[in-house]
Amino acid sequence: MIPISRRALLAWRINSLGAHCLLLAALLCGLAAPGVQAQVLDASRLAQPVPLDGVWLVHAGDDPAWAQPAFDDSRWTPFDPHNHIGTIYGVTRPPIIWYRMRVKVSPDQAGLALREQSIARAAEVYVNGERLIAVGSVDPFVPYTWNANVVRPIPGRMLAGGSLVIALRVHFSPNEWTSTAPGYTPGNLVLGQQETLYRYDWLEIVGQHSMTWLDHLLTIALGVVALVLFAAQRRQTEYLWIAALGLLTLAEFVEPFLAVFYNLPLHWEALYDSLRVFTPYIWISLYFSFVGQRIGWRWRAILVFAGVMNAFSGIQGIYLAVPVAAQFLSNLPFIILLSVVIPFVLARHWFRGNREAGILLVPAVLFSLYIYAEIGFDLLYQIPGRQAVALHALNLIDRYPAGPFSISLDNLSSILCTLSLAIIMLLRSTHMSRRQAILEGELAAAQQVQQVLLPEHTEAVPGFTVETVYQPAQQVGGDFFQILPAGDGGLLMVVGDVAGKGLPAAMLVSVLVGAIRSAAHYTEDPAELLANLNDRLVGRAGDGFTTALAAHIAADGRVTAANAGHLSPYLDGAEVELPGALPLGVLSGARYEASRFVLAPGSRLTFYSDGVVEAQSTDGSLFGFDRARELSTASAAEIALAAQQFGQEDDITVVTIERSARVASAA
């Protein structure tokens, strides 16, 4: 998952190689070779596209008349494009130079076209005096990118005379004059059938760019997946850095992709290169996050410096004329970070047992070897007699042919890095799935235990009809209730709510239920029972608390109730006012006040948890106390269903106790 900017780190090597190739060709052909004569290219029997690499006529200056086919160019200087234009104008370095060439064609030949690529950042191509192709603006000078293959058909009327005069108007900026091959070079213009040129262009585009595009698309897709995972697992900062890398890759992908098909204003390329300031920080932070390496202020300063130099190395090649060595030095901090520091850090953590560091180490080492090979073979090229070996080796690692595709070690290490990150994410997801399965098993077991502790059917107590409904918001919940027969023929009831939901609350519920049953063996006084529960919970509930309400209902209907911060019950649709008190587990030694009232024959006493009144609809409105009071005379099932359908947010518990009028009359 190596971004475009990492490949751009080696632009200095490519420029250097181009310079050596052109200088070598110039030496072979002879700089400013005497006796060079202008040629007329014979394309009358054109069988396949041919580059216009014959001898041209050149002249410095600017005059629109020079594009006309009848213009007398006999005094212009012949120029072989295999040589350097500086051999003619190296001293004066004029801003605009014109080129002219005559091409013989067949009048009955149709479908001819010209393909232009990389003449200059501002150039115009004329055929028989008519402008056919324009890149940027020559005067006033507005530079454009120049890597796109521009194909334009030659009108049939121009072929009627059997001759074409092709004229080039080329702007040379000071930066271009110091480049390795300014102006027109062999291959910049190709004449051929339009359909054939398009077909060749697409084969070239697919062959040269498909691996790079595949790499970028994989990185972007992985970034989207990582962003989704980070939204669910905020502690995994590695996913955030992968998402940031995917976003950066997407931003860097737009301009180079469009520049393959269209020449764009040069400031687009400058904007693209400015994004490289973020590349070192994102890449190093990504690697460090996987090994738990902290990035302190010193590392941040290094990464910011490397980012600034990385961006400067790209921009200086556009607007500034700097030596190749200076471009290399500006890239050196990031090169050292990627090819030296990162492999060392990953190897050290792998030896310490970090499996993920070992997975990432493989593509990191492969990319480091690629960097070392690039530098080594470029140095080998400087040795006389070793140029051919160096060029062959560089072609193998940079442009190894595989059918129509061109593969480099950079592509392989990049895609392998993306796959390594995907493998790590897959292994983590598998591990999380196993943990989730174990957790779900534990929750299912806890749910079974809670069903035993909070049974759906309570023990029958003569003279009373008891209904209970317990509906947790999750698999297990924090509400609890206990209905126990009392020794005097009545019953003892406790209902409560542990702060929180899920397994932690359920575990505390089990402690409370056990404590209630234990305390009920020696006391049936609600106030004493709550005080006992409070002492048991102090120091065990952490920062949480538990509300509870206890009530003893005698056989004759006398009710004694004590409240520890819970909702008051409803008696025949009216709220029973009980003294307030602190919840359980908040303060050691807390005491609770008992209240007394009577449950008459045929009357109904209803107890809620706050999950009823706090049920919330989709528009944000609450179920509320008014609805709870109005429904308090209904059955427990009806009340719970109404709250659940309104919008359950918390555990719902409803307990109703009705004193039987018939038993009371018999008594």
Foldseek 3Di string as FASTA:
>chain_A
DDFPLVVVLCVLLVQLLLLVQLVVLCVVVDQVDPPQDADAAECAPPPFKDWPQHKKFKDADDDLVVLAPPDDRVVTDIDGQSHAPCSPCVPPPGFKMKIKHKYFYHLPDDQKKKKAFDQFQFKFKHKNSHTFDTHQHSVVGFGWHTGATDIGTDDSVSPNVRMIMIMMIDGADPQQSLGSHHGDHTPRMMMDGRVNVVVVLVLLCCAECVLVVVLLVLLLVQLVVLVVVCVVVVVLCLSVLSVVRNVLSVLLVPVVVVCHHDIGGCVSQLVSLLSQLCVQVSVVVNLCSLLVNDQDPVNVVLSNQLSVLSSCLRVCSPPNRDRSVSSSVSNVSSLCCQQPVSLVVLVVSVVVPRVLSVLLNVLSNLVNVLVVLSVVLSVQCVDPPRVVVSVVSCCCQFFNDDDSHGDHSVSVSSNSNSVSVVVVVVVVVVVVVVVVVVVVVVLVVLLVVVCVLAPQDADDQPQKDKHKDWFFPDSWFQWHKDWAQAPQSWIKIKTKGWPDTDDVSSVVRVVLSVLLVVVRVPDRQQQVSQLSQLQVQAPPNPPIFMWMKMWIAHSLFKIKIWTAQFAAKAKQLHGDDHDYHHTGRPDHPDTIDIDIDGQHAFIKIKGKGCQQQQFAAPVGDTCHDVVVSVCNVPGNVVSVVVSVVRHGDGIIMMMMMHGHNVVNVVD
